PDB file of all heavy atoms in Angstrom:
ATOM      1  N   ILE A   1      99.941 109.832  70.621  1.00  0.00           N
ATOM      2  CA  ILE A   1      98.634 110.071  69.925  1.00  0.00           C
ATOM      3  C   ILE A   1      98.527 109.060  68.774  1.00  0.00           C
ATOM      4  O   ILE A   1      97.369 108.522  68.541  1.00  0.00           O
ATOM      5  CB  ILE A   1      98.483 111.536  69.419  1.00  0.00           C
ATOM      6  CG1 ILE A   1      98.439 112.471  70.639  1.00  0.00           C
ATOM      7  CG2 ILE A   1      97.287 111.711  68.521  1.00  0.00           C
ATOM      8  CD1 ILE A   1      98.678 113.912  70.339  1.00  0.00           C
ATOM      9  N   GLU A   2      99.517 108.890  68.097  1.00  0.00           N
ATOM     10  CA  GLU A   2      99.435 107.990  66.881  1.00  0.00           C
ATOM     11  C   GLU A   2      99.142 106.527  67.283  1.00  0.00           C
ATOM     12  O   GLU A   2      98.561 105.803  66.538  1.00  0.00           O
ATOM     13  CB  GLU A   2     100.762 108.038  66.098  1.00  0.00           C
ATOM     14  CG  GLU A   2     100.664 107.342  64.781  1.00  0.00           C
ATOM     15  CD  GLU A   2     101.759 107.735  63.762  1.00  0.00           C
ATOM     16  OE1 GLU A   2     102.453 108.724  64.038  1.00  0.00           O
ATOM     17  OE2 GLU A   2     101.926 107.024  62.797  1.00  0.00           O
ATOM     18  N   ILE A   3      99.594 106.176  68.564  1.00  0.00           N
ATOM     19  CA  ILE A   3      99.331 104.727  69.025  1.00  0.00           C
ATOM     20  C   ILE A   3      98.049 104.629  69.782  1.00  0.00           C
ATOM     21  O   ILE A   3      97.730 103.559  70.346  1.00  0.00           O
ATOM     22  CB  ILE A   3     100.526 104.123  69.683  1.00  0.00           C
ATOM     23  CG1 ILE A   3     100.869 104.899  70.940  1.00  0.00           C
ATOM     24  CG2 ILE A   3     101.696 104.048  68.743  1.00  0.00           C
ATOM     25  CD1 ILE A   3     102.021 104.377  71.744  1.00  0.00           C
ATOM     26  N   GLY A   4      97.227 105.790  69.889  1.00  0.00           N
ATOM     27  CA  GLY A   4      95.974 105.633  70.495  1.00  0.00           C
ATOM     28  C   GLY A   4      95.561 106.524  71.608  1.00  0.00           C
ATOM     29  O   GLY A   4      94.283 106.496  71.925  1.00  0.00           O
ATOM     30  N   PHE A   5      96.361 107.216  72.167  1.00  0.00           N
ATOM     31  CA  PHE A   5      96.032 108.146  73.280  1.00  0.00           C
ATOM     32  C   PHE A   5      95.499 109.478  72.776  1.00  0.00           C
ATOM     33  O   PHE A   5      95.957 109.945  71.784  1.00  0.00           O
ATOM     34  CB  PHE A   5      97.175 108.375  74.232  1.00  0.00           C
ATOM     35  CG  PHE A   5      97.543 107.255  75.086  1.00  0.00           C
ATOM     36  CD1 PHE A   5      98.749 106.461  74.822  1.00  0.00           C
ATOM     37  CD2 PHE A   5      96.777 106.867  76.150  1.00  0.00           C
ATOM     38  CE1 PHE A   5      99.107 105.351  75.637  1.00  0.00           C
ATOM     39  CE2 PHE A   5      97.110 105.806  76.981  1.00  0.00           C
ATOM     40  CZ  PHE A   5      98.228 105.015  76.678  1.00  0.00           C
ATOM     41  N   GLY A   6      94.569 110.064  73.603  1.00  0.00           N
ATOM     42  CA  GLY A   6      94.268 111.431  73.314  1.00  0.00           C
ATOM     43  C   GLY A   6      95.354 112.387  73.709  1.00  0.00           C
ATOM     44  O   GLY A   6      96.308 112.027  74.448  1.00  0.00           O
ATOM     45  N   ALA A   7      95.301 113.602  73.120  1.00  0.00           N
ATOM     46  CA  ALA A   7      96.422 114.513  73.364  1.00  0.00           C
ATOM     47  C   ALA A   7      96.711 114.859  74.779  1.00  0.00           C
ATOM     48  O   ALA A   7      97.875 114.886  75.311  1.00  0.00           O
ATOM     49  CB  ALA A   7      96.165 115.815  72.574  1.00  0.00           C
ATOM     50  N   GLU A   8      95.597 115.054  75.595  1.00  0.00           N
ATOM     51  CA  GLU A   8      95.788 115.421  77.010  1.00  0.00           C
ATOM     52  C   GLU A   8      96.475 114.276  77.801  1.00  0.00           C
ATOM     53  O   GLU A   8      97.400 114.443  78.575  1.00  0.00           O
ATOM     54  CB  GLU A   8      94.466 115.794  77.608  1.00  0.00           C
ATOM     55  CG  GLU A   8      94.598 116.333  78.991  1.00  0.00           C
ATOM     56  CD  GLU A   8      93.232 116.790  79.541  1.00  0.00           C
ATOM     57  OE1 GLU A   8      92.261 116.973  78.788  1.00  0.00           O
ATOM     58  OE2 GLU A   8      93.111 117.028  80.832  1.00  0.00           O
ATOM     59  N   MET A   9      95.956 113.062  77.542  1.00  0.00           N
ATOM     60  CA  MET A   9      96.525 111.937  78.211  1.00  0.00           C
ATOM     61  C   MET A   9      97.981 111.646  77.823  1.00  0.00           C
ATOM     62  O   MET A   9      98.794 111.310  78.653  1.00  0.00           O
ATOM     63  CB  MET A   9      95.601 110.678  77.965  1.00  0.00           C
ATOM     64  CG  MET A   9      96.120 109.441  78.751  1.00  0.00           C
ATOM     65  SD  MET A   9      96.040 109.664  80.548  1.00  0.00           S
ATOM     66  CE  MET A   9      94.248 109.615  80.819  1.00  0.00           C
ATOM     67  N   ALA A  10      98.262 111.785  76.488  1.00  0.00           N
ATOM     68  CA  ALA A  10      99.571 111.581  76.019  1.00  0.00           C
ATOM     69  C   ALA A  10     100.601 112.616  76.653  1.00  0.00           C
ATOM     70  O   ALA A  10     101.757 112.193  76.996  1.00  0.00           O
ATOM     71  CB  ALA A  10      99.611 111.708  74.468  1.00  0.00           C
ATOM     72  N   GLN A  11     100.147 113.828  76.768  1.00  0.00           N
ATOM     73  CA  GLN A  11     100.949 114.801  77.422  1.00  0.00           C
ATOM     74  C   GLN A  11     101.272 114.475  78.850  1.00  0.00           C
ATOM     75  O   GLN A  11     102.387 114.600  79.324  1.00  0.00           O
ATOM     76  CB  GLN A  11     100.282 116.213  77.325  1.00  0.00           C
ATOM     77  CG  GLN A  11     101.086 117.278  78.066  1.00  0.00           C
ATOM     78  CD  GLN A  11     100.496 118.690  77.793  1.00  0.00           C
ATOM     79  OE1 GLN A  11     100.229 119.071  76.649  1.00  0.00           O
ATOM     80  NE2 GLN A  11     100.341 119.448  78.798  1.00  0.00           N
ATOM     81  N   PHE A  12     100.252 114.068  79.577  1.00  0.00           N
ATOM     82  CA  PHE A  12     100.450 113.741  81.052  1.00  0.00           C
ATOM     83  C   PHE A  12     101.353 112.578  81.162  1.00  0.00           C
ATOM     84  O   PHE A  12     102.350 112.626  82.011  1.00  0.00           O
ATOM     85  CB  PHE A  12      99.071 113.425  81.691  1.00  0.00           C
ATOM     86  CG  PHE A  12      99.252 112.966  83.123  1.00  0.00           C
ATOM     87  CD1 PHE A  12      99.537 113.836  84.109  1.00  0.00           C
ATOM     88  CD2 PHE A  12      99.035 111.631  83.437  1.00  0.00           C
ATOM     89  CE1 PHE A  12      99.740 113.348  85.383  1.00  0.00           C
ATOM     90  CE2 PHE A  12      99.176 111.175  84.691  1.00  0.00           C
ATOM     91  CZ  PHE A  12      99.529 112.000  85.724  1.00  0.00           C
ATOM     92  N   ILE A  13     101.106 111.491  80.462  1.00  0.00           N
ATOM     93  CA  ILE A  13     101.970 110.260  80.530  1.00  0.00           C
ATOM     94  C   ILE A  13     103.418 110.612  80.199  1.00  0.00           C
ATOM     95  O   ILE A  13     104.323 110.219  80.906  1.00  0.00           O
ATOM     96  CB  ILE A  13     101.403 109.198  79.655  1.00  0.00           C
ATOM     97  CG1 ILE A  13     100.085 108.666  80.225  1.00  0.00           C
ATOM     98  CG2 ILE A  13     102.413 108.032  79.579  1.00  0.00           C
ATOM     99  CD1 ILE A  13      99.349 107.656  79.242  1.00  0.00           C
ATOM    100  N   THR A  14     103.592 111.368  79.120  1.00  0.00           N
ATOM    101  CA  THR A  14     104.990 111.689  78.698  1.00  0.00           C
ATOM    102  C   THR A  14     105.676 112.574  79.736  1.00  0.00           C
ATOM    103  O   THR A  14     106.850 112.311  80.156  1.00  0.00           O
ATOM    104  CB  THR A  14     104.884 112.383  77.376  1.00  0.00           C
ATOM    105  OG1 THR A  14     104.333 111.519  76.398  1.00  0.00           O
ATOM    106  CG2 THR A  14     106.356 112.714  76.870  1.00  0.00           C
ATOM    107  N   ALA A  15     105.011 113.607  80.208  1.00  0.00           N
ATOM    108  CA  ALA A  15     105.619 114.529  81.156  1.00  0.00           C
ATOM    109  C   ALA A  15     105.951 113.843  82.457  1.00  0.00           C
ATOM    110  O   ALA A  15     107.089 114.052  83.006  1.00  0.00           O
ATOM    111  CB  ALA A  15     104.755 115.752  81.383  1.00  0.00           C
ATOM    112  N   GLN A  16     105.057 113.078  82.941  1.00  0.00           N
ATOM    113  CA  GLN A  16     105.288 112.330  84.200  1.00  0.00           C
ATOM    114  C   GLN A  16     106.389 111.351  84.034  1.00  0.00           C
ATOM    115  O   GLN A  16     107.254 111.132  84.957  1.00  0.00           O
ATOM    116  CB  GLN A  16     104.079 111.667  84.749  1.00  0.00           C
ATOM    117  CG  GLN A  16     104.293 110.904  86.096  1.00  0.00           C
ATOM    118  CD  GLN A  16     104.719 111.832  87.179  1.00  0.00           C
ATOM    119  OE1 GLN A  16     104.305 112.995  87.313  1.00  0.00           O
ATOM    120  NE2 GLN A  16     105.509 111.265  88.104  1.00  0.00           N
ATOM    121  N   THR A  17     106.490 110.649  82.838  1.00  0.00           N
ATOM    122  CA  THR A  17     107.563 109.696  82.568  1.00  0.00           C
ATOM    123  C   THR A  17     108.947 110.361  82.604  1.00  0.00           C
ATOM    124  O   THR A  17     109.925 109.828  83.157  1.00  0.00           O
ATOM    125  CB  THR A  17     107.307 108.958  81.291  1.00  0.00           C
ATOM    126  OG1 THR A  17     106.047 108.293  81.397  1.00  0.00           O
ATOM    127  CG2 THR A  17     108.410 108.009  80.945  1.00  0.00           C
ATOM    128  N   VAL A  18     109.020 111.537  81.935  1.00  0.00           N
ATOM    129  CA  VAL A  18     110.250 112.325  81.860  1.00  0.00           C
ATOM    130  C   VAL A  18     110.640 112.775  83.248  1.00  0.00           C
ATOM    131  O   VAL A  18     111.812 112.667  83.620  1.00  0.00           O
ATOM    132  CB  VAL A  18     110.132 113.519  80.894  1.00  0.00           C
ATOM    133  CG1 VAL A  18     111.340 114.448  81.031  1.00  0.00           C
ATOM    134  CG2 VAL A  18     109.978 113.026  79.474  1.00  0.00           C
ATOM    135  N   LYS A  19     109.720 113.211  84.047  1.00  0.00           N
ATOM    136  CA  LYS A  19     110.011 113.606  85.440  1.00  0.00           C
ATOM    137  C   LYS A  19     110.580 112.463  86.220  1.00  0.00           C
ATOM    138  O   LYS A  19     111.505 112.603  87.010  1.00  0.00           O
ATOM    139  CB  LYS A  19     108.698 114.158  86.151  1.00  0.00           C
ATOM    140  CG  LYS A  19     108.930 114.698  87.494  1.00  0.00           C
ATOM    141  CD  LYS A  19     107.602 115.157  88.139  1.00  0.00           C
ATOM    142  CE  LYS A  19     107.797 115.638  89.567  1.00  0.00           C
ATOM    143  NZ  LYS A  19     106.581 116.099  90.144  1.00  0.00           N
ATOM    144  N   GLY A  20     110.037 111.288  86.072  1.00  0.00           N
ATOM    145  CA  GLY A  20     110.487 110.080  86.733  1.00  0.00           C
ATOM    146  C   GLY A  20     111.864 109.733  86.284  1.00  0.00           C
ATOM    147  O   GLY A  20     112.752 109.302  87.080  1.00  0.00           O
ATOM    148  N   ALA A  21     112.181 109.826  84.965  1.00  0.00           N
ATOM    149  CA  ALA A  21     113.486 109.544  84.459  1.00  0.00           C
ATOM    150  C   ALA A  21     114.523 110.504  85.073  1.00  0.00           C
ATOM    151  O   ALA A  21     115.667 110.043  85.452  1.00  0.00           O
ATOM    152  CB  ALA A  21     113.539 109.677  82.933  1.00  0.00           C
ATOM    153  N   THR A  22     114.237 111.791  85.188  1.00  0.00           N
ATOM    154  CA  THR A  22     115.211 112.721  85.735  1.00  0.00           C
ATOM    155  C   THR A  22     115.442 112.409  87.173  1.00  0.00           C
ATOM    156  O   THR A  22     116.542 112.496  87.701  1.00  0.00           O
ATOM    157  CB  THR A  22     114.730 114.110  85.564  1.00  0.00           C
ATOM    158  OG1 THR A  22     113.467 114.325  86.296  1.00  0.00           O
ATOM    159  CG2 THR A  22     114.606 114.544  84.142  1.00  0.00           C
ATOM    160  N   GLU A  23     114.394 112.047  87.946  1.00  0.00           N
ATOM    161  CA  GLU A  23     114.576 111.695  89.384  1.00  0.00           C
ATOM    162  C   GLU A  23     115.401 110.433  89.565  1.00  0.00           C
ATOM    163  O   GLU A  23     116.209 110.369  90.556  1.00  0.00           O
ATOM    164  CB  GLU A  23     113.218 111.586  90.013  1.00  0.00           C
ATOM    165  CG  GLU A  23     112.432 112.913  90.206  1.00  0.00           C
ATOM    166  CD  GLU A  23     113.213 113.843  91.146  1.00  0.00           C
ATOM    167  OE1 GLU A  23     113.856 113.437  92.137  1.00  0.00           O
ATOM    168  OE2 GLU A  23     113.246 115.052  90.761  1.00  0.00           O
ATOM    169  N   LEU A  24     115.296 109.418  88.634  1.00  0.00           N
ATOM    170  CA  LEU A  24     116.087 108.247  88.713  1.00  0.00           C
ATOM    171  C   LEU A  24     117.632 108.652  88.692  1.00  0.00           C
ATOM    172  O   LEU A  24     118.386 108.193  89.370  1.00  0.00           O
ATOM    173  CB  LEU A  24     115.800 107.276  87.583  1.00  0.00           C
ATOM    174  CG  LEU A  24     114.515 106.445  87.745  1.00  0.00           C
ATOM    175  CD1 LEU A  24     114.231 105.675  86.433  1.00  0.00           C
ATOM    176  CD2 LEU A  24     114.673 105.478  88.862  1.00  0.00           C
ATOM    177  N   VAL A  25     117.986 109.562  87.765  1.00  0.00           N
ATOM    178  CA  VAL A  25     119.342 109.998  87.641  1.00  0.00           C
ATOM    179  C   VAL A  25     119.736 110.872  88.752  1.00  0.00           C
ATOM    180  O   VAL A  25     120.824 110.650  89.370  1.00  0.00           O
ATOM    181  CB  VAL A  25     119.513 110.712  86.259  1.00  0.00           C
ATOM    182  CG1 VAL A  25     120.931 111.335  86.129  1.00  0.00           C
ATOM    183  CG2 VAL A  25     119.230 109.810  85.080  1.00  0.00           C
ATOM    184  N   LEU A  26     118.918 111.867  89.188  1.00  0.00           N
ATOM    185  CA  LEU A  26     119.308 112.782  90.195  1.00  0.00           C
ATOM    186  C   LEU A  26     119.398 112.112  91.587  1.00  0.00           C
ATOM    187  O   LEU A  26     120.375 112.411  92.348  1.00  0.00           O
ATOM    188  CB  LEU A  26     118.285 113.931  90.310  1.00  0.00           C
ATOM    189  CG  LEU A  26     118.280 114.943  89.183  1.00  0.00           C
ATOM    190  CD1 LEU A  26     117.068 115.872  89.242  1.00  0.00           C
ATOM    191  CD2 LEU A  26     119.572 115.725  89.158  1.00  0.00           C
TER     192      LEU A  26
END
């Protein structure tokens, strides 16, 4: 949010990124 995204978009991008990171490891 501080670097320019709205709260909803920041949540989606972050959550999907974390999901991708876990799948890379798993």
